[in-house]
Amino acid sequence: MNDSLKNLTENIRHFVDERNWNEFQSPKNLAMALCGEAGELVEQLQWLSEEQSRNPEPGKLQNIKDECADVLVYLVRIADELNFDLIEATRSKCLKNEEKYPVELVNGQLKRRDEY
């Protein structure tokens, strides 16, 4: 596991342990909380133009950062609870996506997988 992610995982675990929240943080509950936080991230971007979403004003950008951090915290907690390396899982998924979406098939096209 990447040292930064390992340190982050340990920091978050310590935060949860200090508050005695482990009993509430099952993978199921964490996944539901993650969905809520993802919704809050979407809310920050909702109704912005494409350009505004790429270059948000500073206050909006800070809100987006905060919501992204909340999403990451829940992802890290799920991986920690289920004892898997989130970086390795992501690398593995990226390899699967490279096979599923070969450049020569999908380059410059935005379609559903079954439409190629």
PDB file of N, CA and C in Angstrom:
ATOM      1  N   MET A   1       0.850  -1.175   0.000  1.00  0.00           N
ATOM      2  CA  MET A   1       0.000   0.000   0.000  1.00  0.00           C
ATOM      3  C   MET A   1       0.893   1.235   0.000  1.00  0.00           C
ATOM      4  N   ASN A   2       0.524   2.216  -0.773  1.00  0.00           N
ATOM      5  CA  ASN A   2       1.216   3.486  -0.828  1.00  0.00           C
ATOM      6  C   ASN A   2       1.325   4.073   0.580  1.00  0.00           C
ATOM      7  N   ASP A   3       2.516   4.604   0.932  1.00  0.00           N
ATOM      8  CA  ASP A   3       2.720   5.145   2.284  1.00  0.00           C
ATOM      9  C   ASP A   3       1.729   6.251   2.624  1.00  0.00           C
ATOM     10  N   SER A   4       1.424   7.122   1.658  1.00  0.00           N
ATOM     11  CA  SER A   4       0.471   8.201   1.924  1.00  0.00           C
ATOM     12  C   SER A   4      -0.905   7.650   2.237  1.00  0.00           C
ATOM     13  N   LEU A   5      -1.335   6.664   1.470  1.00  0.00           N
ATOM     14  CA  LEU A   5      -2.644   6.065   1.725  1.00  0.00           C
ATOM     15  C   LEU A   5      -2.627   5.278   3.031  1.00  0.00           C
ATOM     16  N   LYS A   6      -1.514   4.634   3.314  1.00  0.00           N
ATOM     17  CA  LYS A   6      -1.388   3.906   4.574  1.00  0.00           C
ATOM     18  C   LYS A   6      -1.501   4.871   5.753  1.00  0.00           C
ATOM     19  N   ASN A   7      -0.802   5.986   5.668  1.00  0.00           N
ATOM     20  CA  ASN A   7      -0.874   6.991   6.734  1.00  0.00           C
ATOM     21  C   ASN A   7      -2.280   7.567   6.859  1.00  0.00           C
ATOM     22  N   LEU A   8      -2.896   7.848   5.732  1.00  0.00           N
ATOM     23  CA  LEU A   8      -4.263   8.365   5.748  1.00  0.00           C
ATOM     24  C   LEU A   8      -5.207   7.355   6.398  1.00  0.00           C
ATOM     25  N   THR A   9      -5.069   6.093   6.024  1.00  0.00           N
ATOM     26  CA  THR A   9      -5.896   5.032   6.598  1.00  0.00           C
ATOM     27  C   THR A   9      -5.719   4.973   8.111  1.00  0.00           C
ATOM     28  N   GLU A  10      -4.477   5.036   8.562  1.00  0.00           N
ATOM     29  CA  GLU A  10      -4.211   4.993  10.001  1.00  0.00           C
ATOM     30  C   GLU A  10      -4.787   6.211  10.713  1.00  0.00           C
ATOM     31  N   ASN A  11      -4.677   7.389  10.096  1.00  0.00           N
ATOM     32  CA  ASN A  11      -5.238   8.602  10.693  1.00  0.00           C
ATOM     33  C   ASN A  11      -6.756   8.517  10.813  1.00  0.00           C
ATOM     34  N   ILE A  12      -7.394   8.041   9.758  1.00  0.00           N
ATOM     35  CA  ILE A  12      -8.849   7.915   9.787  1.00  0.00           C
ATOM     36  C   ILE A  12      -9.270   6.851  10.801  1.00  0.00           C
ATOM     37  N   ARG A  13      -8.548   5.740  10.832  1.00  0.00           N
ATOM     38  CA  ARG A  13      -8.847   4.678  11.803  1.00  0.00           C
ATOM     39  C   ARG A  13      -8.734   5.218  13.229  1.00  0.00           C
ATOM     40  N   HIS A  14      -7.692   5.998  13.490  1.00  0.00           N
ATOM     41  CA  HIS A  14      -7.493   6.602  14.811  1.00  0.00           C
ATOM     42  C   HIS A  14      -8.660   7.541  15.155  1.00  0.00           C
ATOM     43  N   PHE A  15      -9.074   8.359  14.205  1.00  0.00           N
ATOM     44  CA  PHE A  15     -10.207   9.269  14.387  1.00  0.00           C
ATOM     45  C   PHE A  15     -11.459   8.493  14.783  1.00  0.00           C
ATOM     46  N   VAL A  16     -11.723   7.406  14.061  1.00  0.00           N
ATOM     47  CA  VAL A  16     -12.902   6.572  14.338  1.00  0.00           C
ATOM     48  C   VAL A  16     -12.772   5.889  15.696  1.00  0.00           C
ATOM     49  N   ASP A  17     -11.602   5.340  15.976  1.00  0.00           N
ATOM     50  CA  ASP A  17     -11.375   4.653  17.255  1.00  0.00           C
ATOM     51  C   ASP A  17     -11.556   5.596  18.439  1.00  0.00           C
ATOM     52  N   GLU A  18     -11.022   6.807  18.333  1.00  0.00           N
ATOM     53  CA  GLU A  18     -11.142   7.765  19.435  1.00  0.00           C
ATOM     54  C   GLU A  18     -12.598   8.087  19.765  1.00  0.00           C
ATOM     55  N   ARG A  19     -13.447   8.030  18.761  1.00  0.00           N
ATOM     56  CA  ARG A  19     -14.854   8.366  18.945  1.00  0.00           C
ATOM     57  C   ARG A  19     -15.731   7.141  19.198  1.00  0.00           C
ATOM     58  N   ASN A  20     -15.086   5.970  19.215  1.00  0.00           N
ATOM     59  CA  ASN A  20     -15.797   4.718  19.442  1.00  0.00           C
ATOM     60  C   ASN A  20     -16.933   4.522  18.427  1.00  0.00           C
ATOM     61  N   TRP A  21     -16.619   4.766  17.158  1.00  0.00           N
ATOM     62  CA  TRP A  21     -17.613   4.674  16.084  1.00  0.00           C
ATOM     63  C   TRP A  21     -17.536   3.371  15.292  1.00  0.00           C
ATOM     64  N   ASN A  22     -16.587   2.485  15.626  1.00  0.00           N
ATOM     65  CA  ASN A  22     -16.415   1.263  14.836  1.00  0.00           C
ATOM     66  C   ASN A  22     -17.690   0.452  14.692  1.00  0.00           C
ATOM     67  N   GLU A  23     -18.463   0.353  15.753  1.00  0.00           N
ATOM     68  CA  GLU A  23     -19.673  -0.468  15.690  1.00  0.00           C
ATOM     69  C   GLU A  23     -20.670   0.049  14.658  1.00  0.00           C
ATOM     70  N   PHE A  24     -20.588   1.330  14.334  1.00  0.00           N
ATOM     71  CA  PHE A  24     -21.519   1.923  13.368  1.00  0.00           C
ATOM     72  C   PHE A  24     -20.987   1.866  11.940  1.00  0.00           C
ATOM     73  N   GLN A  25     -19.694   1.582  11.786  1.00  0.00           N
ATOM     74  CA  GLN A  25     -19.074   1.704  10.480  1.00  0.00           C
ATOM     75  C   GLN A  25     -18.845   0.357   9.808  1.00  0.00           C
ATOM     76  N   SER A  26     -19.929  -0.341   9.588  1.00  0.00           N
ATOM     77  CA  SER A  26     -19.867  -1.576   8.805  1.00  0.00           C
ATOM     78  C   SER A  26     -19.690  -1.198   7.335  1.00  0.00           C
ATOM     79  N   PRO A  27     -19.189  -2.109   6.511  1.00  0.00           N
ATOM     80  CA  PRO A  27     -19.072  -1.793   5.084  1.00  0.00           C
ATOM     81  C   PRO A  27     -20.405  -1.332   4.482  1.00  0.00           C
ATOM     82  N   LYS A  28     -21.500  -1.926   4.900  1.00  0.00           N
ATOM     83  CA  LYS A  28     -22.818  -1.518   4.398  1.00  0.00           C
ATOM     84  C   LYS A  28     -23.103  -0.066   4.751  1.00  0.00           C
ATOM     85  N   ASN A  29     -22.917   0.290   6.015  1.00  0.00           N
ATOM     86  CA  ASN A  29     -23.192   1.665   6.441  1.00  0.00           C
ATOM     87  C   ASN A  29     -22.231   2.655   5.797  1.00  0.00           C
ATOM     88  N   LEU A  30     -20.984   2.260   5.655  1.00  0.00           N
ATOM     89  CA  LEU A  30     -20.005   3.129   5.016  1.00  0.00           C
ATOM     90  C   LEU A  30     -20.363   3.370   3.552  1.00  0.00           C
ATOM     91  N   ALA A  31     -20.826   2.337   2.868  1.00  0.00           N
ATOM     92  CA  ALA A  31     -21.218   2.490   1.458  1.00  0.00           C
ATOM     93  C   ALA A  31     -22.417   3.432   1.337  1.00  0.00           C
ATOM     94  N   MET A  32     -23.356   3.323   2.259  1.00  0.00           N
ATOM     95  CA  MET A  32     -24.509   4.227   2.219  1.00  0.00           C
ATOM     96  C   MET A  32     -24.075   5.667   2.500  1.00  0.00           C
ATOM     97  N   ALA A  33     -23.174   5.855   3.459  1.00  0.00           N
ATOM     98  CA  ALA A  33     -22.654   7.191   3.749  1.00  0.00           C
ATOM     99  C   ALA A  33     -21.888   7.740   2.544  1.00  0.00           C
ATOM    100  N   LEU A  34     -21.143   6.880   1.869  1.00  0.00           N
ATOM    101  CA  LEU A  34     -20.413   7.279   0.671  1.00  0.00           C
ATOM    102  C   LEU A  34     -21.374   7.819  -0.389  1.00  0.00           C
ATOM    103  N   CYS A  35     -22.492   7.145  -0.572  1.00  0.00           N
ATOM    104  CA  CYS A  35     -23.483   7.617  -1.548  1.00  0.00           C
ATOM    105  C   CYS A  35     -24.002   9.000  -1.182  1.00  0.00           C
ATOM    106  N   GLY A  36     -24.236   9.212   0.101  1.00  0.00           N
ATOM    107  CA  GLY A  36     -24.688  10.523   0.549  1.00  0.00           C
ATOM    108  C   GLY A  36     -23.661  11.602   0.262  1.00  0.00           C
ATOM    109  N   GLU A  37     -22.402  11.313   0.540  1.00  0.00           N
ATOM    110  CA  GLU A  37     -21.339  12.281   0.287  1.00  0.00           C
ATOM    111  C   GLU A  37     -21.146  12.518  -1.209  1.00  0.00           C
ATOM    112  N   ALA A  38     -21.279  11.466  -2.005  1.00  0.00           N
ATOM    113  CA  ALA A  38     -21.185  11.636  -3.464  1.00  0.00           C
ATOM    114  C   ALA A  38     -22.306  12.554  -3.946  1.00  0.00           C
ATOM    115  N   GLY A  39     -23.480  12.414  -3.350  1.00  0.00           N
ATOM    116  CA  GLY A  39     -24.591  13.309  -3.679  1.00  0.00           C
ATOM    117  C   GLY A  39     -24.276  14.754  -3.321  1.00  0.00           C
ATOM    118  N   GLU A  40     -23.604  14.957  -2.198  1.00  0.00           N
ATOM    119  CA  GLU A  40     -23.222  16.317  -1.807  1.00  0.00           C
ATOM    120  C   GLU A  40     -22.183  16.889  -2.766  1.00  0.00           C
ATOM    121  N   LEU A  41     -21.312  16.039  -3.285  1.00  0.00           N
ATOM    122  CA  LEU A  41     -20.354  16.482  -4.302  1.00  0.00           C
ATOM    123  C   LEU A  41     -21.093  16.892  -5.576  1.00  0.00           C
ATOM    124  N   VAL A  42     -22.028  16.066  -5.995  1.00  0.00           N
ATOM    125  CA  VAL A  42     -22.813  16.384  -7.191  1.00  0.00           C
ATOM    126  C   VAL A  42     -23.543  17.711  -7.004  1.00  0.00           C
ATOM    127  N   GLU A  43     -24.085  17.921  -5.805  1.00  0.00           N
ATOM    128  CA  GLU A  43     -24.810  19.160  -5.517  1.00  0.00           C
ATOM    129  C   GLU A  43     -23.929  20.394  -5.729  1.00  0.00           C
ATOM    130  N   GLN A  44     -22.637  20.276  -5.411  1.00  0.00           N
ATOM    131  CA  GLN A  44     -21.725  21.404  -5.604  1.00  0.00           C
ATOM    132  C   GLN A  44     -21.529  21.742  -7.086  1.00  0.00           C
ATOM    133  N   LEU A  45     -21.688  20.760  -7.941  1.00  0.00           N
ATOM    134  CA  LEU A  45     -21.455  20.950  -9.381  1.00  0.00           C
ATOM    135  C   LEU A  45     -22.746  21.133 -10.174  1.00  0.00           C
ATOM    136  N   GLN A  46     -23.843  20.818  -9.536  1.00  0.00           N
ATOM    137  CA  GLN A  46     -25.141  20.906 -10.208  1.00  0.00           C
ATOM    138  C   GLN A  46     -25.391  22.340 -10.669  1.00  0.00           C
ATOM    139  N   TRP A  47     -25.905  22.472 -11.854  1.00  0.00           N
ATOM    140  CA  TRP A  47     -26.313  23.728 -12.468  1.00  0.00           C
ATOM    141  C   TRP A  47     -25.147  24.592 -12.925  1.00  0.00           C
ATOM    142  N   LEU A  48     -23.920  24.118 -12.774  1.00  0.00           N
ATOM    143  CA  LEU A  48     -22.796  24.864 -13.323  1.00  0.00           C
ATOM    144  C   LEU A  48     -22.662  24.536 -14.810  1.00  0.00           C
ATOM    145  N   SER A  49     -22.161  25.477 -15.568  1.00  0.00           N
ATOM    146  CA  SER A  49     -21.851  25.187 -16.965  1.00  0.00           C
ATOM    147  C   SER A  49     -20.614  24.291 -16.992  1.00  0.00           C
ATOM    148  N   GLU A  50     -20.322  23.734 -18.164  1.00  0.00           N
ATOM    149  CA  GLU A  50     -19.109  22.930 -18.299  1.00  0.00           C
ATOM    150  C   GLU A  50     -17.892  23.763 -17.902  1.00  0.00           C
ATOM    151  N   GLU A  51     -17.826  24.990 -18.377  1.00  0.00           N
ATOM    152  CA  GLU A  51     -16.691  25.868 -18.069  1.00  0.00           C
ATOM    153  C   GLU A  51     -16.611  26.162 -16.579  1.00  0.00           C
ATOM    154  N   GLN A  52     -17.740  26.485 -15.951  1.00  0.00           N
ATOM    155  CA  GLN A  52     -17.745  26.760 -14.513  1.00  0.00           C
ATOM    156  C   GLN A  52     -17.302  25.530 -13.715  1.00  0.00           C
ATOM    157  N   SER A  53     -17.689  24.345 -14.184  1.00  0.00           N
ATOM    158  CA  SER A  53     -17.302  23.134 -13.459  1.00  0.00           C
ATOM    159  C   SER A  53     -15.808  22.866 -13.574  1.00  0.00           C
ATOM    160  N   ARG A  54     -15.193  23.334 -14.648  1.00  0.00           N
ATOM    161  CA  ARG A  54     -13.748  23.167 -14.829  1.00  0.00           C
ATOM    162  C   ARG A  54     -12.943  24.252 -14.106  1.00  0.00           C
ATOM    163  N   ASN A  55     -13.565  25.388 -13.875  1.00  0.00           N
ATOM    164  CA  ASN A  55     -12.888  26.531 -13.239  1.00  0.00           C
ATOM    165  C   ASN A  55     -13.792  27.165 -12.187  1.00  0.00           C
ATOM    166  N   PRO A  56     -14.089  26.427 -11.123  1.00  0.00           N
ATOM    167  CA  PRO A  56     -15.003  26.986 -10.122  1.00  0.00           C
ATOM    168  C   PRO A  56     -14.353  28.138  -9.349  1.00  0.00           C
ATOM    169  N   GLU A  57     -15.197  29.034  -8.872  1.00  0.00           N
ATOM    170  CA  GLU A  57     -14.695  30.134  -8.036  1.00  0.00           C
ATOM    171  C   GLU A  57     -14.094  29.546  -6.757  1.00  0.00           C
ATOM    172  N   PRO A  58     -13.212  30.274  -6.091  1.00  0.00           N
ATOM    173  CA  PRO A  58     -12.483  29.724  -4.933  1.00  0.00           C
ATOM    174  C   PRO A  58     -13.368  29.120  -3.840  1.00  0.00           C
ATOM    175  N   GLY A  59     -14.445  29.776  -3.466  1.00  0.00           N
ATOM    176  CA  GLY A  59     -15.317  29.229  -2.421  1.00  0.00           C
ATOM    177  C   GLY A  59     -15.963  27.928  -2.850  1.00  0.00           C
ATOM    178  N   LYS A  60     -16.389  27.864  -4.095  1.00  0.00           N
ATOM    179  CA  LYS A  60     -16.991  26.651  -4.647  1.00  0.00           C
ATOM    180  C   LYS A  60     -15.954  25.545  -4.713  1.00  0.00           C
ATOM    181  N   LEU A  61     -14.744  25.897  -5.134  1.00  0.00           N
ATOM    182  CA  LEU A  61     -13.674  24.909  -5.214  1.00  0.00           C
ATOM    183  C   LEU A  61     -13.390  24.309  -3.834  1.00  0.00           C
ATOM    184  N   GLN A  62     -13.393  25.137  -2.799  1.00  0.00           N
ATOM    185  CA  GLN A  62     -13.165  24.614  -1.451  1.00  0.00           C
ATOM    186  C   GLN A  62     -14.270  23.640  -1.051  1.00  0.00           C
ATOM    187  N   ASN A  63     -15.505  23.958  -1.390  1.00  0.00           N
ATOM    188  CA  ASN A  63     -16.613  23.041  -1.096  1.00  0.00           C
ATOM    189  C   ASN A  63     -16.442  21.716  -1.847  1.00  0.00           C
ATOM    190  N   ILE A  64     -16.011  21.792  -3.090  1.00  0.00           N
ATOM    191  CA  ILE A  64     -15.774  20.588  -3.894  1.00  0.00           C
ATOM    192  C   ILE A  64     -14.655  19.755  -3.267  1.00  0.00           C
ATOM    193  N   LYS A  65     -13.591  20.404  -2.851  1.00  0.00           N
ATOM    194  CA  LYS A  65     -12.483  19.694  -2.192  1.00  0.00           C
ATOM    195  C   LYS A  65     -12.975  18.981  -0.936  1.00  0.00           C
ATOM    196  N   ASP A  66     -13.774  19.688  -0.133  1.00  0.00           N
ATOM    197  CA  ASP A  66     -14.283  19.094   1.104  1.00  0.00           C
ATOM    198  C   ASP A  66     -15.142  17.863   0.817  1.00  0.00           C
ATOM    199  N   GLU A  67     -15.995  17.953  -0.185  1.00  0.00           N
ATOM    200  CA  GLU A  67     -16.865  16.817  -0.508  1.00  0.00           C
ATOM    201  C   GLU A  67     -16.059  15.657  -1.099  1.00  0.00           C
ATOM    202  N   CYS A  68     -15.053  15.964  -1.928  1.00  0.00           N
ATOM    203  CA  CYS A  68     -14.178  14.900  -2.445  1.00  0.00           C
ATOM    204  C   CYS A  68     -13.456  14.209  -1.301  1.00  0.00           C
ATOM    205  N   ALA A  69     -13.012  14.988  -0.326  1.00  0.00           N
ATOM    206  CA  ALA A  69     -12.330  14.409   0.835  1.00  0.00           C
ATOM    207  C   ALA A  69     -13.280  13.486   1.601  1.00  0.00           C
ATOM    208  N   ASP A  70     -14.526  13.906   1.777  1.00  0.00           N
ATOM    209  CA  ASP A  70     -15.498  13.050   2.463  1.00  0.00           C
ATOM    210  C   ASP A  70     -15.695  11.731   1.721  1.00  0.00           C
ATOM    211  N   VAL A  71     -15.781  11.798   0.389  1.00  0.00           N
ATOM    212  CA  VAL A  71     -15.927  10.587  -0.415  1.00  0.00           C
ATOM    213  C   VAL A  71     -14.711   9.685  -0.219  1.00  0.00           C
ATOM    214  N   LEU A  72     -13.524  10.263  -0.265  1.00  0.00           N
ATOM    215  CA  LEU A  72     -12.304   9.480  -0.093  1.00  0.00           C
ATOM    216  C   LEU A  72     -12.250   8.834   1.286  1.00  0.00           C
ATOM    217  N   VAL A  73     -12.643   9.560   2.311  1.00  0.00           N
ATOM    218  CA  VAL A  73     -12.638   8.999   3.669  1.00  0.00           C
ATOM    219  C   VAL A  73     -13.478   7.726   3.711  1.00  0.00           C
ATOM    220  N   TYR A  74     -14.660   7.751   3.132  1.00  0.00           N
ATOM    221  CA  TYR A  74     -15.514   6.565   3.168  1.00  0.00           C
ATOM    222  C   TYR A  74     -14.941   5.432   2.317  1.00  0.00           C
ATOM    223  N   LEU A  75     -14.326   5.742   1.188  1.00  0.00           N
ATOM    224  CA  LEU A  75     -13.670   4.695   0.396  1.00  0.00           C
ATOM    225  C   LEU A  75     -12.541   4.047   1.180  1.00  0.00           C
ATOM    226  N   VAL A  76     -11.745   4.870   1.830  1.00  0.00           N
ATOM    227  CA  VAL A  76     -10.632   4.357   2.637  1.00  0.00           C
ATOM    228  C   VAL A  76     -11.160   3.500   3.782  1.00  0.00           C
ATOM    229  N   ARG A  77     -12.223   3.934   4.428  1.00  0.00           N
ATOM    230  CA  ARG A  77     -12.801   3.168   5.534  1.00  0.00           C
ATOM    231  C   ARG A  77     -13.333   1.815   5.065  1.00  0.00           C
ATOM    232  N   ILE A  78     -13.987   1.774   3.911  1.00  0.00           N
ATOM    233  CA  ILE A  78     -14.500   0.506   3.391  1.00  0.00           C
ATOM    234  C   ILE A  78     -13.340  -0.446   3.127  1.00  0.00           C
ATOM    235  N   ALA A  79     -12.304   0.040   2.467  1.00  0.00           N
ATOM    236  CA  ALA A  79     -11.128  -0.804   2.186  1.00  0.00           C
ATOM    237  C   ALA A  79     -10.489  -1.277   3.484  1.00  0.00           C
ATOM    238  N   ASP A  80     -10.420  -0.403   4.464  1.00  0.00           N
ATOM    239  CA  ASP A  80      -9.824  -0.769   5.754  1.00  0.00           C
ATOM    240  C   ASP A  80     -10.670  -1.830   6.450  1.00  0.00           C
ATOM    241  N   GLU A  81     -11.966  -1.641   6.465  1.00  0.00           N
ATOM    242  CA  GLU A  81     -12.858  -2.606   7.120  1.00  0.00           C
ATOM    243  C   GLU A  81     -12.809  -3.977   6.446  1.00  0.00           C
ATOM    244  N   LEU A  82     -12.659  -3.982   5.125  1.00  0.00           N
ATOM    245  CA  LEU A  82     -12.635  -5.248   4.381  1.00  0.00           C
ATOM    246  C   LEU A  82     -11.209  -5.740   4.130  1.00  0.00           C
ATOM    247  N   ASN A  83     -10.241  -4.997   4.657  1.00  0.00           N
ATOM    248  CA  ASN A  83      -8.841  -5.404   4.630  1.00  0.00           C
ATOM    249  C   ASN A  83      -8.304  -5.653   3.213  1.00  0.00           C
ATOM    250  N   PHE A  84      -8.496  -4.648   2.344  1.00  0.00           N
ATOM    251  CA  PHE A  84      -7.873  -4.749   1.024  1.00  0.00           C
ATOM    252  C   PHE A  84      -7.167  -3.445   0.698  1.00  0.00           C
ATOM    253  N   ASP A  85      -6.207  -3.544  -0.190  1.00  0.00           N
ATOM    254  CA  ASP A  85      -5.397  -2.409  -0.616  1.00  0.00           C
ATOM    255  C   ASP A  85      -6.153  -1.663  -1.705  1.00  0.00           C
ATOM    256  N   LEU A  86      -6.600  -0.471  -1.395  1.00  0.00           N
ATOM    257  CA  LEU A  86      -7.399   0.322  -2.320  1.00  0.00           C
ATOM    258  C   LEU A  86      -6.607   0.704  -3.567  1.00  0.00           C
ATOM    259  N   ILE A  87      -5.315   0.980  -3.413  1.00  0.00           N
ATOM    260  CA  ILE A  87      -4.478   1.315  -4.566  1.00  0.00           C
ATOM    261  C   ILE A  87      -4.361   0.109  -5.500  1.00  0.00           C
ATOM    262  N   GLU A  88      -4.108  -1.055  -4.945  1.00  0.00           N
ATOM    263  CA  GLU A  88      -3.996  -2.262  -5.773  1.00  0.00           C
ATOM    264  C   GLU A  88      -5.331  -2.588  -6.439  1.00  0.00           C
ATOM    265  N   ALA A  89      -6.425  -2.434  -5.718  1.00  0.00           N
ATOM    266  CA  ALA A  89      -7.742  -2.683  -6.309  1.00  0.00           C
ATOM    267  C   ALA A  89      -7.996  -1.725  -7.474  1.00  0.00           C
ATOM    268  N   THR A  90      -7.564  -0.483  -7.327  1.00  0.00           N
ATOM    269  CA  THR A  90      -7.749   0.506  -8.391  1.00  0.00           C
ATOM    270  C   THR A  90      -6.873   0.176  -9.595  1.00  0.00           C
ATOM    271  N   ARG A  91      -5.638  -0.204  -9.341  1.00  0.00           N
ATOM    272  CA  ARG A  91      -4.751  -0.608 -10.458  1.00  0.00           C
ATOM    273  C   ARG A  91      -5.346  -1.785 -11.215  1.00  0.00           C
ATOM    274  N   SER A  92      -5.837  -2.764 -10.484  1.00  0.00           N
ATOM    275  CA  SER A  92      -6.445  -3.942 -11.099  1.00  0.00           C
ATOM    276  C   SER A  92      -7.658  -3.553 -11.939  1.00  0.00           C
ATOM    277  N   LYS A  93      -8.480  -2.665 -11.420  1.00  0.00           N
ATOM    278  CA  LYS A  93      -9.664  -2.225 -12.159  1.00  0.00           C
ATOM    279  C   LYS A  93      -9.269  -1.446 -13.404  1.00  0.00           C
ATOM    280  N   CYS A  94      -8.216  -0.646 -13.314  1.00  0.00           N
ATOM    281  CA  CYS A  94      -7.744   0.092 -14.489  1.00  0.00           C
ATOM    282  C   CYS A  94      -7.300  -0.861 -15.597  1.00  0.00           C
ATOM    283  N   LEU A  95      -6.619  -1.945 -15.231  1.00  0.00           N
ATOM    284  CA  LEU A  95      -6.215  -2.949 -16.220  1.00  0.00           C
ATOM    285  C   LEU A  95      -7.438  -3.589 -16.872  1.00  0.00           C
ATOM    286  N   LYS A  96      -8.447  -3.897 -16.075  1.00  0.00           N
ATOM    287  CA  LYS A  96      -9.685  -4.455 -16.626  1.00  0.00           C
ATOM    288  C   LYS A  96     -10.329  -3.469 -17.596  1.00  0.00           C
ATOM    289  N   ASN A  97     -10.332  -2.177 -17.238  1.00  0.00           N
ATOM    290  CA  ASN A  97     -10.925  -1.166 -18.113  1.00  0.00           C
ATOM    291  C   ASN A  97     -10.147  -1.016 -19.410  1.00  0.00           C
ATOM    292  N   GLU A  98      -8.819  -1.163 -19.346  1.00  0.00           N
ATOM    293  CA  GLU A  98      -8.023  -1.095 -20.566  1.00  0.00           C
ATOM    294  C   GLU A  98      -8.412  -2.210 -21.524  1.00  0.00           C
ATOM    295  N   GLU A  99      -8.684  -3.393 -20.991  1.00  0.00           N
ATOM    296  CA  GLU A  99      -9.117  -4.516 -21.829  1.00  0.00           C
ATOM    297  C   GLU A  99     -10.544  -4.315 -22.328  1.00  0.00           C
ATOM    298  N   LYS A 100     -11.399  -3.802 -21.469  1.00  0.00           N
ATOM    299  CA  LYS A 100     -12.814  -3.622 -21.791  1.00  0.00           C
ATOM    300  C   LYS A 100     -13.029  -2.493 -22.800  1.00  0.00           C
ATOM    301  N   TYR A 101     -12.186  -1.464 -22.724  1.00  0.00           N
ATOM    302  CA  TYR A 101     -12.321  -0.290 -23.581  1.00  0.00           C
ATOM    303  C   TYR A 101     -11.020  -0.018 -24.325  1.00  0.00           C
ATOM    304  N   PRO A 102     -10.671  -0.858 -25.313  1.00  0.00           N
ATOM    305  CA  PRO A 102      -9.423  -0.651 -26.052  1.00  0.00           C
ATOM    306  C   PRO A 102      -9.457   0.670 -26.834  1.00  0.00           C
ATOM    307  N   VAL A 103      -8.325   1.351 -26.855  1.00  0.00           N
ATOM    308  CA  VAL A 103      -8.226   2.663 -27.487  1.00  0.00           C
ATOM    309  C   VAL A 103      -8.748   2.627 -28.912  1.00  0.00           C
ATOM    310  N   GLU A 104      -8.350   1.626 -29.666  1.00  0.00           N
ATOM    311  CA  GLU A 104      -8.748   1.578 -31.083  1.00  0.00           C
ATOM    312  C   GLU A 104     -10.260   1.429 -31.261  1.00  0.00           C
ATOM    313  N   LEU A 105     -10.957   0.984 -30.261  1.00  0.00           N
ATOM    314  CA  LEU A 105     -12.412   0.816 -30.344  1.00  0.00           C
ATOM    315  C   LEU A 105     -13.160   2.049 -29.842  1.00  0.00           C
ATOM    316  N   VAL A 106     -12.658   2.688 -28.809  1.00  0.00           N
ATOM    317  CA  VAL A 106     -13.437   3.723 -28.130  1.00  0.00           C
ATOM    318  C   VAL A 106     -12.899   5.141 -28.287  1.00  0.00           C
ATOM    319  N   ASN A 107     -11.755   5.307 -28.913  1.00  0.00           N
ATOM    320  CA  ASN A 107     -11.101   6.612 -28.999  1.00  0.00           C
ATOM    321  C   ASN A 107     -12.043   7.686 -29.533  1.00  0.00           C
ATOM    322  N   GLY A 108     -12.290   8.704 -28.713  1.00  0.00           N
ATOM    323  CA  GLY A 108     -13.115   9.839 -29.122  1.00  0.00           C
ATOM    324  C   GLY A 108     -14.595   9.577 -29.139  1.00  0.00           C
ATOM    325  N   GLN A 109     -15.029   8.439 -28.646  1.00  0.00           N
ATOM    326  CA  GLN A 109     -16.452   8.100 -28.658  1.00  0.00           C
ATOM    327  C   GLN A 109     -16.967   7.954 -27.229  1.00  0.00           C
ATOM    328  N   LEU A 110     -18.150   8.437 -27.001  1.00  0.00           N
ATOM    329  CA  LEU A 110     -18.769   8.309 -25.696  1.00  0.00           C
ATOM    330  C   LEU A 110     -20.070   7.536 -25.867  1.00  0.00           C
ATOM    331  N   LYS A 111     -19.986   6.243 -25.641  1.00  0.00           N
ATOM    332  CA  LYS A 111     -21.143   5.355 -25.781  1.00  0.00           C
ATOM    333  C   LYS A 111     -21.162   4.384 -24.616  1.00  0.00           C
ATOM    334  N   ARG A 112     -22.280   3.729 -24.470  1.00  0.00           N
ATOM    335  CA  ARG A 112     -22.363   2.636 -23.493  1.00  0.00           C
ATOM    336  C   ARG A 112     -21.549   1.469 -24.038  1.00  0.00           C
ATOM    337  N   ARG A 113     -21.043   0.637 -23.148  1.00  0.00           N
ATOM    338  CA  ARG A 113     -20.187  -0.474 -23.550  1.00  0.00           C
ATOM    339  C   ARG A 113     -20.846  -1.360 -24.602  1.00  0.00           C
ATOM    340  N   ASP A 114     -22.137  -1.595 -24.474  1.00  0.00           N
ATOM    341  CA  ASP A 114     -22.832  -2.494 -25.412  1.00  0.00           C
ATOM    342  C   ASP A 114     -23.142  -1.837 -26.752  1.00  0.00           C
ATOM    343  N   GLU A 115     -22.789  -0.563 -26.919  1.00  0.00           N
ATOM    344  CA  GLU A 115     -23.054   0.147 -28.167  1.00  0.00           C
ATOM    345  C   GLU A 115     -21.844   0.191 -29.106  1.00  0.00           C
ATOM    346  N   TYR A 116     -20.707  -0.327 -28.670  1.00  0.00           N
ATOM    347  CA  TYR A 116     -19.518  -0.295 -29.532  1.00  0.00           C
ATOM    348  C   TYR A 116     -19.560  -1.447 -30.511  1.00  0.00           C
TER     349      TYR A 116
END
